[in-house]
Amino acid sequence: VVGEQELSAWHLRSGKPAWRELAVELPE
């Protein structure tokens, strides 16, 4: 999932975050 300032990823089966962080911020 792409946001204005961050990216996030989710497991489709469980609905849980796929990455260690809930979201990864994009560089400035």
PDB file of all heavy atoms in Angstrom:
ATOM      1  N   VAL A   1       0.854  -1.184   0.000  1.00  0.00           N
ATOM      2  CA  VAL A   1       0.000   0.000   0.000  1.00  0.00           C
ATOM      3  C   VAL A   1       0.894   1.241   0.000  1.00  0.00           C
ATOM      4  O   VAL A   1       1.833   1.347   0.792  1.00  0.00           O
ATOM      5  CB  VAL A   1      -0.948   0.012   1.225  1.00  0.00           C
ATOM      6  CG1 VAL A   1      -1.840   1.233   1.202  1.00  0.00           C
ATOM      7  CG2 VAL A   1      -1.785  -1.261   1.259  1.00  0.00           C
ATOM      8  N   VAL A   2       0.599   2.173  -0.902  1.00  0.00           N
ATOM      9  CA  VAL A   2       1.396   3.393  -1.062  1.00  0.00           C
ATOM     10  C   VAL A   2       0.654   4.562  -0.431  1.00  0.00           C
ATOM     11  O   VAL A   2      -0.527   4.778  -0.701  1.00  0.00           O
ATOM     12  CB  VAL A   2       1.652   3.679  -2.557  1.00  0.00           C
ATOM     13  CG1 VAL A   2       2.438   4.976  -2.736  1.00  0.00           C
ATOM     14  CG2 VAL A   2       2.372   2.515  -3.206  1.00  0.00           C
ATOM     15  N   GLY A   3       1.369   5.311   0.418  1.00  0.00           N
ATOM     16  CA  GLY A   3       0.828   6.523   1.009  1.00  0.00           C
ATOM     17  C   GLY A   3       1.612   7.732   0.521  1.00  0.00           C
ATOM     18  O   GLY A   3       2.583   7.597  -0.215  1.00  0.00           O
ATOM     19  N   GLU A   4       1.190   8.912   0.953  1.00  0.00           N
ATOM     20  CA  GLU A   4       1.874  10.139   0.537  1.00  0.00           C
ATOM     21  C   GLU A   4       3.318  10.194   1.030  1.00  0.00           C
ATOM     22  O   GLU A   4       4.176  10.745   0.354  1.00  0.00           O
ATOM     23  CB  GLU A   4       1.121  11.364   1.051  1.00  0.00           C
ATOM     24  CG  GLU A   4      -0.193  11.591   0.346  1.00  0.00           C
ATOM     25  CD  GLU A   4      -0.894  12.842   0.838  1.00  0.00           C
ATOM     26  OE1 GLU A   4      -0.212  13.771   1.308  1.00  0.00           O
ATOM     27  OE2 GLU A   4      -2.130  12.879   0.750  1.00  0.00           O
ATOM     28  N   GLN A   5       3.583   9.642   2.216  1.00  0.00           N
ATOM     29  CA  GLN A   5       4.913   9.710   2.805  1.00  0.00           C
ATOM     30  C   GLN A   5       5.454   8.361   3.250  1.00  0.00           C
ATOM     31  O   GLN A   5       6.540   8.306   3.838  1.00  0.00           O
ATOM     32  CB  GLN A   5       4.894  10.647   4.031  1.00  0.00           C
ATOM     33  CG  GLN A   5       4.513  12.065   3.704  1.00  0.00           C
ATOM     34  CD  GLN A   5       5.559  12.766   2.861  1.00  0.00           C
ATOM     35  OE1 GLN A   5       6.744  12.602   3.067  1.00  0.00           O
ATOM     36  NE2 GLN A   5       5.114  13.537   1.890  1.00  0.00           N
ATOM     37  N   GLU A   6       4.704   7.277   2.988  1.00  0.00           N
ATOM     38  CA  GLU A   6       5.131   5.980   3.504  1.00  0.00           C
ATOM     39  C   GLU A   6       4.569   4.836   2.678  1.00  0.00           C
ATOM     40  O   GLU A   6       3.659   5.012   1.877  1.00  0.00           O
ATOM     41  CB  GLU A   6       4.682   5.820   4.951  1.00  0.00           C
ATOM     42  CG  GLU A   6       3.175   5.841   5.110  1.00  0.00           C
ATOM     43  CD  GLU A   6       2.723   5.914   6.555  1.00  0.00           C
ATOM     44  OE1 GLU A   6       3.500   6.371   7.399  1.00  0.00           O
ATOM     45  OE2 GLU A   6       1.587   5.513   6.816  1.00  0.00           O
ATOM     46  N   LEU A   7       5.159   3.670   2.902  1.00  0.00           N
ATOM     47  CA  LEU A   7       4.694   2.422   2.305  1.00  0.00           C
ATOM     48  C   LEU A   7       4.369   1.458   3.427  1.00  0.00           C
ATOM     49  O   LEU A   7       5.010   1.472   4.483  1.00  0.00           O
ATOM     50  CB  LEU A   7       5.790   1.790   1.449  1.00  0.00           C
ATOM     51  CG  LEU A   7       6.333   2.601   0.293  1.00  0.00           C
ATOM     52  CD1 LEU A   7       7.557   1.908  -0.287  1.00  0.00           C
ATOM     53  CD2 LEU A   7       5.272   2.763  -0.767  1.00  0.00           C
ATOM     54  N   SER A   8       3.388   0.594   3.209  1.00  0.00           N
ATOM     55  CA  SER A   8       3.104  -0.471   4.155  1.00  0.00           C
ATOM     56  C   SER A   8       2.767  -1.727   3.374  1.00  0.00           C
ATOM     57  O   SER A   8       2.438  -1.667   2.186  1.00  0.00           O
ATOM     58  CB  SER A   8       1.970  -0.091   5.115  1.00  0.00           C
ATOM     59  OG  SER A   8       0.791   0.196   4.401  1.00  0.00           O
ATOM     60  N   ALA A   9       2.898  -2.870   4.029  1.00  0.00           N
ATOM     61  CA  ALA A   9       2.607  -4.146   3.383  1.00  0.00           C
ATOM     62  C   ALA A   9       1.872  -5.027   4.379  1.00  0.00           C
ATOM     63  O   ALA A   9       2.164  -5.021   5.580  1.00  0.00           O
ATOM     64  CB  ALA A   9       3.894  -4.822   2.923  1.00  0.00           C
ATOM     65  N   TRP A  10       0.934  -5.789   3.864  1.00  0.00           N
ATOM     66  CA  TRP A  10       0.062  -6.599   4.707  1.00  0.00           C
ATOM     67  C   TRP A  10      -0.071  -7.999   4.123  1.00  0.00           C
ATOM     68  O   TRP A  10      -0.146  -8.170   2.910  1.00  0.00           O
ATOM     69  CB  TRP A  10      -1.322  -5.952   4.796  1.00  0.00           C
ATOM     70  CG  TRP A  10      -1.235  -4.540   5.261  1.00  0.00           C
ATOM     71  CD1 TRP A  10      -1.050  -3.431   4.490  1.00  0.00           C
ATOM     72  CD2 TRP A  10      -1.265  -4.086   6.606  1.00  0.00           C
ATOM     73  NE1 TRP A  10      -0.977  -2.315   5.276  1.00  0.00           N
ATOM     74  CE2 TRP A  10      -1.104  -2.685   6.584  1.00  0.00           C
ATOM     75  CE3 TRP A  10      -1.418  -4.730   7.828  1.00  0.00           C
ATOM     76  CZ2 TRP A  10      -1.088  -1.917   7.733  1.00  0.00           C
ATOM     77  CZ3 TRP A  10      -1.407  -3.961   8.973  1.00  0.00           C
ATOM     78  CH2 TRP A  10      -1.246  -2.574   8.930  1.00  0.00           C
ATOM     79  N   HIS A  11      -0.107  -9.001   5.015  1.00  0.00           N
ATOM     80  CA  HIS A  11      -0.378 -10.370   4.584  1.00  0.00           C
ATOM     81  C   HIS A  11      -1.868 -10.489   4.299  1.00  0.00           C
ATOM     82  O   HIS A  11      -2.694 -10.134   5.137  1.00  0.00           O
ATOM     83  CB  HIS A  11       0.027 -11.377   5.669  1.00  0.00           C
ATOM     84  CG  HIS A  11       1.501 -11.471   5.872  1.00  0.00           C
ATOM     85  ND1 HIS A  11       2.345 -11.981   4.912  1.00  0.00           N
ATOM     86  CD2 HIS A  11       2.279 -11.105   6.917  1.00  0.00           C
ATOM     87  CE1 HIS A  11       3.592 -11.931   5.362  1.00  0.00           C
ATOM     88  NE2 HIS A  11       3.576 -11.402   6.573  1.00  0.00           N
ATOM     89  N   LEU A  12      -2.200 -10.965   3.124  1.00  0.00           N
ATOM     90  CA  LEU A  12      -3.599 -11.057   2.723  1.00  0.00           C
ATOM     91  C   LEU A  12      -4.387 -12.044   3.582  1.00  0.00           C
ATOM     92  O   LEU A  12      -5.542 -11.809   3.912  1.00  0.00           O
ATOM     93  CB  LEU A  12      -3.707 -11.455   1.249  1.00  0.00           C
ATOM     94  CG  LEU A  12      -3.266 -10.381   0.265  1.00  0.00           C
ATOM     95  CD1 LEU A  12      -3.211 -10.949  -1.151  1.00  0.00           C
ATOM     96  CD2 LEU A  12      -4.201  -9.202   0.319  1.00  0.00           C
ATOM     97  N   ARG A  13      -3.785 -13.162   3.940  1.00  0.00           N
ATOM     98  CA  ARG A  13      -4.512 -14.195   4.686  1.00  0.00           C
ATOM     99  C   ARG A  13      -4.785 -13.809   6.137  1.00  0.00           C
ATOM    100  O   ARG A  13      -5.866 -14.030   6.644  1.00  0.00           O
ATOM    101  CB  ARG A  13      -3.765 -15.514   4.625  1.00  0.00           C
ATOM    102  CG  ARG A  13      -3.720 -16.073   3.228  1.00  0.00           C
ATOM    103  CD  ARG A  13      -2.884 -17.324   3.160  1.00  0.00           C
ATOM    104  NE  ARG A  13      -2.525 -17.554   1.779  1.00  0.00           N
ATOM    105  CZ  ARG A  13      -2.931 -18.587   1.088  1.00  0.00           C
ATOM    106  NH1 ARG A  13      -3.675 -19.488   1.630  1.00  0.00           N
ATOM    107  NH2 ARG A  13      -2.559 -18.721  -0.163  1.00  0.00           N
ATOM    108  N   SER A  14      -3.781 -13.206   6.781  1.00  0.00           N
ATOM    109  CA  SER A  14      -3.930 -12.900   8.210  1.00  0.00           C
ATOM    110  C   SER A  14      -4.330 -11.448   8.470  1.00  0.00           C
ATOM    111  O   SER A  14      -4.836 -11.132   9.541  1.00  0.00           O
ATOM    112  CB  SER A  14      -2.623 -13.185   8.948  1.00  0.00           C
ATOM    113  OG  SER A  14      -1.611 -12.267   8.544  1.00  0.00           O
ATOM    114  N   GLY A  15      -4.062 -10.552   7.526  1.00  0.00           N
ATOM    115  CA  GLY A  15      -4.325  -9.131   7.737  1.00  0.00           C
ATOM    116  C   GLY A  15      -3.269  -8.456   8.596  1.00  0.00           C
ATOM    117  O   GLY A  15      -3.386  -7.278   8.918  1.00  0.00           O
ATOM    118  N   LYS A  16      -2.209  -9.178   8.945  1.00  0.00           N
ATOM    119  CA  LYS A  16      -1.149  -8.624   9.794  1.00  0.00           C
ATOM    120  C   LYS A  16      -0.082  -7.946   8.938  1.00  0.00           C
ATOM    121  O   LYS A  16       0.089  -8.278   7.761  1.00  0.00           O
ATOM    122  CB  LYS A  16      -0.522  -9.746  10.623  1.00  0.00           C
ATOM    123  CG  LYS A  16      -1.490 -10.326  11.619  1.00  0.00           C
ATOM    124  CD  LYS A  16      -0.825 -11.378  12.467  1.00  0.00           C
ATOM    125  CE  LYS A  16      -1.847 -11.924  13.460  1.00  0.00           C
ATOM    126  NZ  LYS A  16      -1.281 -12.922  14.336  1.00  0.00           N
ATOM    127  N   PRO A  17       0.649  -7.000   9.537  1.00  0.00           N
ATOM    128  CA  PRO A  17       1.724  -6.326   8.797  1.00  0.00           C
ATOM    129  C   PRO A  17       2.759  -7.339   8.304  1.00  0.00           C
ATOM    130  O   PRO A  17       3.108  -8.285   9.010  1.00  0.00           O
ATOM    131  CB  PRO A  17       2.343  -5.382   9.821  1.00  0.00           C
ATOM    132  CG  PRO A  17       1.284  -5.179  10.852  1.00  0.00           C
ATOM    133  CD  PRO A  17       0.503  -6.465  10.890  1.00  0.00           C
ATOM    134  N   ALA A  18       3.254  -7.123   7.096  1.00  0.00           N
ATOM    135  CA  ALA A  18       4.244  -8.020   6.508  1.00  0.00           C
ATOM    136  C   ALA A  18       5.672  -7.616   6.876  1.00  0.00           C
ATOM    137  O   ALA A  18       6.591  -8.408   6.731  1.00  0.00           O
ATOM    138  CB  ALA A  18       4.088  -8.045   4.990  1.00  0.00           C
ATOM    139  N   TRP A  19       5.854  -6.376   7.322  1.00  0.00           N
ATOM    140  CA  TRP A  19       7.179  -5.885   7.656  1.00  0.00           C
ATOM    141  C   TRP A  19       7.314  -5.688   9.156  1.00  0.00           C
ATOM    142  O   TRP A  19       6.333  -5.581   9.882  1.00  0.00           O
ATOM    143  CB  TRP A  19       7.454  -4.560   6.962  1.00  0.00           C
ATOM    144  CG  TRP A  19       7.401  -4.631   5.474  1.00  0.00           C
ATOM    145  CD1 TRP A  19       7.635  -5.723   4.689  1.00  0.00           C
ATOM    146  CD2 TRP A  19       7.096  -3.565   4.584  1.00  0.00           C
ATOM    147  NE1 TRP A  19       7.503  -5.393   3.371  1.00  0.00           N
ATOM    148  CE2 TRP A  19       7.171  -4.072   3.270  1.00  0.00           C
ATOM    149  CE3 TRP A  19       6.769  -2.229   4.760  1.00  0.00           C
ATOM    150  CZ2 TRP A  19       6.937  -3.294   2.145  1.00  0.00           C
ATOM    151  CZ3 TRP A  19       6.537  -1.450   3.646  1.00  0.00           C
ATOM    152  CH2 TRP A  19       6.628  -1.975   2.354  1.00  0.00           C
ATOM    153  N   ARG A  20       8.546  -5.598   9.591  1.00  0.00           N
ATOM    154  CA  ARG A  20       8.833  -5.363  11.006  1.00  0.00           C
ATOM    155  C   ARG A  20       8.171  -4.083  11.495  1.00  0.00           C
ATOM    156  O   ARG A  20       7.576  -4.034  12.552  1.00  0.00           O
ATOM    157  CB  ARG A  20      10.346  -5.256  11.189  1.00  0.00           C
ATOM    158  CG  ARG A  20      10.841  -5.769  12.500  1.00  0.00           C
ATOM    159  CD  ARG A  20      12.330  -5.669  12.548  1.00  0.00           C
ATOM    160  NE  ARG A  20      12.908  -6.914  12.051  1.00  0.00           N
ATOM    161  CZ  ARG A  20      14.175  -7.196  12.072  1.00  0.00           C
ATOM    162  NH1 ARG A  20      15.028  -6.310  12.516  1.00  0.00           N
ATOM    163  NH2 ARG A  20      14.606  -8.333  11.641  1.00  0.00           N
ATOM    164  N   GLU A  21       8.298  -3.020  10.679  1.00  0.00           N
ATOM    165  CA  GLU A  21       7.656  -1.745  10.989  1.00  0.00           C
ATOM    166  C   GLU A  21       6.248  -1.757  10.400  1.00  0.00           C
ATOM    167  O   GLU A  21       6.009  -2.380   9.373  1.00  0.00           O
ATOM    168  CB  GLU A  21       8.428  -0.570  10.379  1.00  0.00           C
ATOM    169  CG  GLU A  21       9.858  -0.457  10.838  1.00  0.00           C
ATOM    170  CD  GLU A  21      10.816  -1.276   9.971  1.00  0.00           C
ATOM    171  OE1 GLU A  21      10.377  -1.841   8.954  1.00  0.00           O
ATOM    172  OE2 GLU A  21      11.985  -1.381  10.327  1.00  0.00           O
ATOM    173  N   LEU A  22       5.342  -1.049  11.023  1.00  0.00           N
ATOM    174  CA  LEU A  22       3.991  -0.947  10.483  1.00  0.00           C
ATOM    175  C   LEU A  22       4.010  -0.257   9.129  1.00  0.00           C
ATOM    176  O   LEU A  22       3.282  -0.621   8.215  1.00  0.00           O
ATOM    177  CB  LEU A  22       3.085  -0.191  11.464  1.00  0.00           C
ATOM    178  CG  LEU A  22       1.622  -0.094  11.096  1.00  0.00           C
ATOM    179  CD1 LEU A  22       1.001  -1.477  10.933  1.00  0.00           C
ATOM    180  CD2 LEU A  22       0.867   0.696  12.148  1.00  0.00           C
ATOM    181  N   ALA A  23       4.878   0.751   8.998  1.00  0.00           N
ATOM    182  CA  ALA A  23       5.040   1.464   7.733  1.00  0.00           C
ATOM    183  C   ALA A  23       6.487   1.911   7.610  1.00  0.00           C
ATOM    184  O   ALA A  23       7.160   2.143   8.608  1.00  0.00           O
ATOM    185  CB  ALA A  23       4.108   2.667   7.674  1.00  0.00           C
ATOM    186  N   VAL A  24       6.955   2.015   6.378  1.00  0.00           N
ATOM    187  CA  VAL A  24       8.302   2.490   6.101  1.00  0.00           C
ATOM    188  C   VAL A  24       8.177   3.868   5.470  1.00  0.00           C
ATOM    189  O   VAL A  24       7.488   4.035   4.458  1.00  0.00           O
ATOM    190  CB  VAL A  24       9.041   1.521   5.138  1.00  0.00           C
ATOM    191  CG1 VAL A  24      10.376   2.088   4.715  1.00  0.00           C
ATOM    192  CG2 VAL A  24       9.200   0.151   5.789  1.00  0.00           C
ATOM    193  N   GLU A  25       8.824   4.853   6.085  1.00  0.00           N
ATOM    194  CA  GLU A  25       8.753   6.216   5.561  1.00  0.00           C
ATOM    195  C   GLU A  25       9.586   6.348   4.295  1.00  0.00           C
ATOM    196  O   GLU A  25      10.670   5.781   4.185  1.00  0.00           O
ATOM    197  CB  GLU A  25       9.258   7.213   6.605  1.00  0.00           C
ATOM    198  CG  GLU A  25       8.273   7.420   7.733  1.00  0.00           C
ATOM    199  CD  GLU A  25       8.642   8.607   8.593  1.00  0.00           C
ATOM    200  OE1 GLU A  25       9.068   9.649   8.031  1.00  0.00           O
ATOM    201  OE2 GLU A  25       8.494   8.496   9.803  1.00  0.00           O
ATOM    202  N   LEU A  26       9.061   7.126   3.355  1.00  0.00           N
ATOM    203  CA  LEU A  26       9.814   7.435   2.148  1.00  0.00           C
ATOM    204  C   LEU A  26      10.852   8.502   2.484  1.00  0.00           C
ATOM    205  O   LEU A  26      10.633   9.332   3.379  1.00  0.00           O
ATOM    206  CB  LEU A  26       8.867   7.952   1.064  1.00  0.00           C
ATOM    207  CG  LEU A  26       7.849   6.938   0.541  1.00  0.00           C
ATOM    208  CD1 LEU A  26       6.840   7.632  -0.381  1.00  0.00           C
ATOM    209  CD2 LEU A  26       8.550   5.813  -0.185  1.00  0.00           C
ATOM    210  N   PRO A  27      11.985   8.513   1.777  1.00  0.00           N
ATOM    211  CA  PRO A  27      12.979   9.567   2.012  1.00  0.00           C
ATOM    212  C   PRO A  27      12.373  10.945   1.746  1.00  0.00           C
ATOM    213  O   PRO A  27      11.440  11.081   0.943  1.00  0.00           O
ATOM    214  CB  PRO A  27      14.079   9.255   0.995  1.00  0.00           C
ATOM    215  CG  PRO A  27      13.918   7.810   0.680  1.00  0.00           C
ATOM    216  CD  PRO A  27      12.442   7.549   0.783  1.00  0.00           C
ATOM    217  N   GLU A  28      12.921  11.959   2.394  1.00  0.00           N
ATOM    218  CA  GLU A  28      12.412  13.318   2.235  1.00  0.00           C
ATOM    219  C   GLU A  28      12.412  13.732   0.766  1.00  0.00           C
ATOM    220  O   GLU A  28      13.386  13.512   0.041  1.00  0.00           O
ATOM    221  CB  GLU A  28      13.273  14.292   3.041  1.00  0.00           C
ATOM    222  CG  GLU A  28      12.684  15.669   3.088  1.00  0.00           C
ATOM    223  CD  GLU A  28      13.400  16.562   4.077  1.00  0.00           C
ATOM    224  OE1 GLU A  28      13.942  16.053   5.066  1.00  0.00           O
ATOM    225  OE2 GLU A  28      13.388  17.776   3.834  1.00  0.00           O
TER     226      GLU A  28
END
